[in-house]
Amino acid sequence: LAGGPGGTQLAATRKLLSGLEEHFIVVNWDQPGAGKSFQAADFDTLTPETYLADALELTAYLQERFDEEKIYVMGESWGTLLGMWMVEQQPESYHAFVGLAQMVAFLETDTYDYNLALELAAENGDAGTVEALREQGPPPYYGEGVTGKVTRYIMYLSNYMNNDPNIGGPGYDTFGDIGAVEYGLYDKVNYVRGVLSTMSVLWEQLWDVDLRMQVPSVEVPVYFLEGRHDVNAPPYLAEDYVETLAAPHVELIWMEHSGHSPWVDEAGKMMDIMVNTVLAETAR
């Protein structure tokens, strides 16, 4: 379950996580409004419930096609919210949930991001960013301009992580991914268009999300893989959630050389965890 909302990782996951195919049938899904599914979204009616309903339909399709009673679900960033909703709603369909850069409380996360970006910009003498952030004020935002306001501080923090020497890995190969065989010409255009269009509709519907209150328990094992140096989804929220979440098994695994994308920054370690921890502990 890619992040975003509106993100697509068809090519990136193939290139970085191909080793998983030795142990799993790996399925990537372009969610409504993302990449190859851009045309599948009615942006006038798009809601979080749309994604959940579609995700459960996809689950049923995979169970039937591959004759499996249960499947594994993995989400990154926004996809971790969707994944937790899935396993809460229909636990009998899933072996386990794996959250990469687990999102917990949407408004609390973005308020943290806004304040940190403002602090870093001030320290760096970046007067333009400071002025822009102060002018827009902290979240929540509604109506026209949501995407621009949110991306201003999120991208500032992403650039900060790109320059963090504690974070390893190859980083994102955005242009290489867009040029990959998974995407036709129209899909390449929608690679970025999908993120912008989906964020403008869905982001303001997520401000009230707080899994600590709304999903206090699930009936499947849960594994959170947290980048030690993530500043987009502050790990302290995942730590809080682990302390209160009731589940058959709850485990927080630190990715010591990762930021917001452990599956990119430490792909080898992530695949090892999927095989020798998650699969080994839950397969039956």
Protein backbone atom coordinates (compact mmCIF):
# COMPACT_ATOMS: atom_id res chain seq x y z
CA LEU A 1 0.00 0.00 0.00
CA ALA A 2 1.87 3.04 -1.29
CA GLY A 3 2.04 6.34 0.51
CA GLY A 4 0.69 9.66 -0.56
CA PRO A 5 -2.24 9.47 -0.74
CA GLY A 6 -1.86 9.27 -4.49
CA GLY A 7 1.57 7.64 -4.60
CA THR A 8 2.59 4.76 -6.85
CA GLN A 9 5.56 2.45 -6.25
CA LEU A 10 5.13 -0.22 -8.93
CA ALA A 11 8.64 0.19 -10.35
CA ALA A 12 10.44 1.18 -7.15
CA THR A 13 9.35 -1.86 -5.17
CA ARG A 14 10.22 -4.19 -8.05
CA LYS A 15 13.72 -2.77 -8.24
CA LEU A 16 14.41 -2.54 -4.52
CA LEU A 17 12.45 -5.46 -3.07
CA SER A 18 12.62 -8.13 -5.76
CA GLY A 19 14.08 -10.54 -3.21
CA LEU A 20 10.66 -10.80 -1.58
CA GLU A 21 9.45 -12.65 -4.67
CA GLU A 22 11.41 -15.72 -3.55
CA HIS A 23 9.08 -16.04 -0.57
CA PHE A 24 5.87 -14.18 -1.46
CA ILE A 25 3.63 -13.37 -4.36
CA VAL A 26 4.16 -9.61 -4.28
CA VAL A 27 1.19 -7.47 -5.30
CA ASN A 28 1.36 -3.72 -5.82
CA TRP A 29 -1.83 -1.72 -6.05
CA ASP A 30 -2.21 1.70 -7.57
CA GLN A 31 -4.97 3.09 -5.39
CA PRO A 32 -7.76 5.26 -6.87
CA GLY A 33 -6.24 8.45 -8.27
CA ALA A 34 -2.67 7.09 -8.29
CA GLY A 35 -0.59 6.25 -11.33
CA LYS A 36 -2.32 3.64 -13.49
CA SER A 37 -5.54 4.13 -11.49
CA PHE A 38 -5.80 7.87 -12.03
CA GLN A 39 -8.86 7.46 -14.23
CA ALA A 40 -10.46 5.11 -11.68
CA ALA A 41 -11.00 7.96 -9.22
CA ASP A 42 -14.01 10.22 -9.06
CA PHE A 43 -12.31 13.08 -7.26
CA ASP A 44 -15.66 14.65 -6.42
CA THR A 45 -16.64 11.68 -4.25
CA LEU A 46 -13.28 10.28 -3.14
CA THR A 47 -13.15 9.44 0.58
CA PRO A 48 -11.06 7.23 2.89
CA GLU A 49 -14.00 4.82 2.85
CA THR A 50 -13.53 4.49 -0.93
CA TYR A 51 -10.00 3.22 -0.40
CA LEU A 52 -11.00 0.81 2.33
CA ALA A 53 -13.82 -0.69 0.28
CA ASP A 54 -11.55 -1.10 -2.74
CA ALA A 55 -8.77 -2.62 -0.59
CA LEU A 56 -11.14 -5.23 0.81
CA GLU A 57 -12.35 -6.04 -2.71
CA LEU A 58 -8.75 -6.46 -3.83
CA THR A 59 -8.11 -8.73 -0.85
CA ALA A 60 -11.03 -10.96 -1.82
CA TYR A 61 -9.80 -11.08 -5.42
CA LEU A 62 -6.30 -12.15 -4.34
CA GLN A 63 -7.65 -14.78 -1.96
CA GLU A 64 -9.68 -16.31 -4.76
CA ARG A 65 -7.08 -16.01 -7.50
CA PHE A 66 -4.27 -17.56 -5.46
CA ASP A 67 -6.46 -19.87 -3.36
CA GLU A 68 -5.25 -18.41 -0.08
CA GLU A 69 -7.29 -18.04 3.07
CA LYS A 70 -5.12 -15.18 4.30
CA ILE A 71 -2.65 -12.70 2.84
CA TYR A 72 -0.08 -10.28 4.27
CA VAL A 73 -0.61 -6.54 4.02
CA MET A 74 2.17 -3.97 4.13
CA GLY A 75 1.74 -0.20 4.03
CA GLU A 76 4.04 2.80 3.91
CA SER A 77 3.15 6.24 5.30
CA TRP A 78 -0.48 6.94 4.28
CA GLY A 79 -0.71 3.26 3.36
CA THR A 80 -0.18 2.36 7.02
CA LEU A 81 -3.48 4.03 7.95
CA LEU A 82 -5.27 2.15 5.22
CA GLY A 83 -3.61 -1.11 6.24
CA MET A 84 -4.65 -0.77 9.87
CA TRP A 85 -8.24 -0.05 8.82
CA MET A 86 -8.17 -3.19 6.65
CA VAL A 87 -6.99 -5.56 9.35
CA GLU A 88 -9.36 -4.06 11.89
CA GLN A 89 -12.33 -4.44 9.55
CA GLN A 90 -11.57 -7.93 8.26
CA PRO A 91 -8.94 -9.68 10.43
CA GLU A 92 -9.83 -13.14 9.19
CA SER A 93 -8.31 -12.27 5.81
CA TYR A 94 -4.80 -11.35 6.97
CA HIS A 95 -1.79 -13.14 8.45
CA ALA A 96 -0.26 -9.89 9.70
CA PHE A 97 0.14 -6.18 9.07
CA VAL A 98 3.50 -4.50 8.52
CA GLY A 99 3.66 -0.70 8.80
CA LEU A 100 6.62 1.19 7.36
CA ALA A 101 6.83 4.70 8.84
CA GLN A 102 3.58 4.17 10.67
CA MET A 103 1.13 7.05 10.65
CA VAL A 104 -0.88 7.35 13.85
CA ALA A 105 -2.42 10.78 14.39
CA PHE A 106 -2.73 12.89 11.28
CA LEU A 107 -3.11 16.42 12.66
CA GLU A 108 -0.54 15.84 15.40
CA THR A 109 1.92 14.60 12.78
CA ASP A 110 1.43 17.56 10.47
CA THR A 111 1.59 20.07 13.31
CA TYR A 112 4.89 18.53 14.36
CA ASP A 113 6.12 18.67 10.75
CA TYR A 114 5.08 22.29 10.33
CA ASN A 115 6.80 23.40 13.54
CA LEU A 116 9.98 21.45 12.79
CA ALA A 117 10.20 22.82 9.25
CA LEU A 118 9.73 26.33 10.60
CA GLU A 119 12.45 25.77 13.20
CA LEU A 120 14.91 24.30 10.68
CA ALA A 121 14.24 27.06 8.15
CA ALA A 122 14.92 29.69 10.82
CA GLU A 123 18.16 27.95 11.84
CA ASN A 124 19.23 27.80 8.19
CA GLY A 125 18.48 31.48 7.59
CA ASP A 126 15.89 30.48 4.98
CA ALA A 127 13.83 33.64 5.29
CA GLY A 128 11.58 32.84 2.33
CA THR A 129 10.41 29.53 3.78
CA VAL A 130 9.97 31.04 7.24
CA GLU A 131 7.84 33.84 5.82
CA ALA A 132 5.75 31.45 3.72
CA LEU A 133 5.14 29.07 6.61
CA ARG A 134 4.22 31.84 9.02
CA GLU A 135 1.89 33.37 6.46
CA GLN A 136 -0.03 30.13 5.93
CA GLY A 137 -0.03 29.25 9.63
CA PRO A 138 -0.09 25.76 11.13
CA PRO A 139 -2.52 23.02 10.01
CA PRO A 140 -5.29 22.03 9.64
CA TYR A 141 -6.03 23.47 6.19
CA TYR A 142 -9.20 23.23 4.15
CA GLY A 143 -10.35 24.19 0.69
CA GLU A 144 -8.22 25.53 -2.11
CA GLY A 145 -4.46 25.46 -1.62
CA VAL A 146 -4.24 22.52 0.79
CA THR A 147 -1.71 20.65 -1.35
CA GLY A 148 0.65 23.61 -1.67
CA LYS A 149 0.58 24.36 2.04
CA VAL A 150 1.21 20.76 3.08
CA THR A 151 3.94 20.07 0.53
CA ARG A 152 5.80 23.21 1.61
CA TYR A 153 6.76 21.75 4.98
CA ILE A 154 6.76 18.06 3.98
CA MET A 155 9.19 18.63 1.12
CA TYR A 156 11.37 20.82 3.33
CA LEU A 157 11.69 17.94 5.78
CA SER A 158 12.22 15.42 2.97
CA ASN A 159 15.14 17.50 1.71
CA TYR A 160 16.47 17.66 5.25
CA MET A 161 16.43 13.85 5.44
CA ASN A 162 18.07 13.58 2.02
CA ASN A 163 21.06 15.39 3.53
CA ASP A 164 21.13 13.45 6.80
CA PRO A 165 24.37 11.39 6.89
CA ASN A 166 22.73 8.93 9.29
CA ILE A 167 20.33 7.78 6.56
CA GLY A 168 21.67 5.23 4.08
CA GLY A 169 20.31 3.68 0.92
CA PRO A 170 20.09 4.85 -2.67
CA GLY A 171 17.24 7.31 -2.21
CA TYR A 172 14.33 7.65 -4.62
CA ASP A 173 14.99 7.35 -8.35
CA THR A 174 11.89 9.28 -9.36
CA PHE A 175 12.80 9.85 -13.00
CA GLY A 176 13.97 6.27 -13.38
CA ASP A 177 10.72 5.01 -11.89
CA ILE A 178 8.59 7.19 -14.13
CA GLY A 179 10.47 5.84 -17.13
CA ALA A 180 9.98 2.20 -16.08
CA VAL A 181 8.08 -0.37 -18.13
CA GLU A 182 5.23 -0.50 -15.63
CA TYR A 183 3.97 2.89 -16.79
CA GLY A 184 2.62 3.77 -20.20
CA LEU A 185 2.87 7.31 -21.56
CA TYR A 186 -0.35 8.46 -19.91
CA ASP A 187 0.65 6.79 -16.64
CA LYS A 188 3.91 8.73 -16.63
CA VAL A 189 1.97 11.98 -16.75
CA ASN A 190 -0.28 10.78 -13.94
CA TYR A 191 2.65 9.70 -11.75
CA VAL A 192 2.86 13.22 -10.32
CA ARG A 193 -0.61 14.39 -11.29
CA GLY A 194 -2.16 11.66 -9.15
CA VAL A 195 -0.38 12.78 -5.98
CA LEU A 196 -1.36 16.42 -6.41
CA SER A 197 -4.98 15.69 -7.33
CA THR A 198 -5.52 13.12 -4.58
CA MET A 199 -3.90 15.17 -1.83
CA SER A 200 -6.09 18.15 -2.62
CA VAL A 201 -9.21 16.05 -2.06
CA LEU A 202 -8.26 13.54 0.61
CA TRP A 203 -5.83 15.33 2.95
CA GLU A 204 -8.44 17.52 4.61
CA GLN A 205 -10.56 14.42 5.28
CA LEU A 206 -7.79 12.91 7.43
CA TRP A 207 -7.19 15.58 10.06
CA ASP A 208 -9.37 13.79 12.61
CA VAL A 209 -7.63 10.41 12.22
CA ASP A 210 -5.97 9.15 15.39
CA LEU A 211 -5.50 5.38 15.46
CA ARG A 212 -4.80 5.41 19.19
CA MET A 213 -8.46 6.21 19.77
CA GLN A 214 -10.09 4.89 16.59
CA VAL A 215 -8.26 1.56 16.21
CA PRO A 216 -7.30 0.59 19.77
CA SER A 217 -7.19 -3.12 18.97
CA VAL A 218 -6.83 -5.54 16.06
CA GLU A 219 -6.92 -9.31 15.86
CA VAL A 220 -3.80 -9.85 13.76
CA PRO A 221 -0.07 -9.55 14.55
CA VAL A 222 1.33 -6.08 13.90
CA TYR A 223 4.90 -5.06 13.07
CA PHE A 224 5.99 -1.43 12.82
CA LEU A 225 9.31 -0.75 11.05
CA GLU A 226 10.35 2.73 12.08
CA GLY A 227 13.16 4.81 10.64
CA ARG A 228 15.23 6.09 13.53
CA HIS A 229 15.73 9.39 11.69
CA ASP A 230 12.23 9.88 10.30
CA VAL A 231 10.99 13.45 10.69
CA ASN A 232 7.94 13.22 8.39
CA ALA A 233 6.12 10.71 10.59
CA PRO A 234 7.64 11.23 14.04
CA PRO A 235 8.41 7.79 15.54
CA TYR A 236 7.33 8.87 19.02
CA LEU A 237 3.73 8.51 17.85
CA ALA A 238 4.34 4.92 16.78
CA GLU A 239 5.97 4.29 20.15
CA ASP A 240 2.88 5.69 21.86
CA TYR A 241 0.63 3.48 19.75
CA VAL A 242 2.64 0.33 20.46
CA GLU A 243 2.17 0.94 24.19
CA THR A 244 -1.63 0.93 23.92
CA LEU A 245 -2.47 -1.21 20.87
CA ALA A 246 -4.07 -4.53 21.77
CA ALA A 247 -3.18 -7.29 19.29
CA PRO A 248 -1.96 -10.92 19.31
CA HIS A 249 1.54 -9.57 18.74
CA VAL A 250 2.78 -5.97 18.53
CA GLU A 251 6.41 -5.24 17.74
CA LEU A 252 8.29 -2.06 16.92
CA ILE A 253 11.49 -2.68 14.96
CA TRP A 254 13.95 0.18 14.62
CA MET A 255 15.58 0.78 11.26
CA GLU A 256 18.72 2.52 12.46
CA HIS A 257 19.82 3.99 9.13
CA SER A 258 16.42 5.02 7.79
CA GLY A 259 14.29 8.10 7.50
CA HIS A 260 10.70 8.08 6.29
CA SER A 261 11.26 5.24 3.80
CA PRO A 262 12.82 2.19 5.51
CA TRP A 263 12.05 -0.01 2.52
CA VAL A 264 14.25 2.28 0.39
CA ASP A 265 16.91 3.19 2.96
CA GLU A 266 17.43 -0.35 4.28
CA ALA A 267 15.82 -2.61 1.70
CA GLY A 268 17.96 -5.63 2.57
CA LYS A 269 17.18 -5.46 6.27
CA MET A 270 13.48 -4.95 5.55
CA MET A 271 13.34 -8.05 3.34
CA ASP A 272 15.18 -10.06 6.01
CA ILE A 273 12.62 -8.97 8.60
CA MET A 274 9.74 -9.90 6.32
CA VAL A 275 11.12 -13.41 5.77
CA ASN A 276 12.85 -14.31 9.03
CA THR A 277 10.60 -12.48 11.48
CA VAL A 278 7.15 -11.79 10.03
CA LEU A 279 6.81 -14.86 7.80
CA ALA A 280 8.59 -17.15 10.24
CA GLU A 281 6.35 -16.11 13.14
CA THR A 282 3.00 -15.97 11.36
CA ALA A 283 2.94 -18.53 8.52
CA ARG A 284 0.48 -21.35 9.14
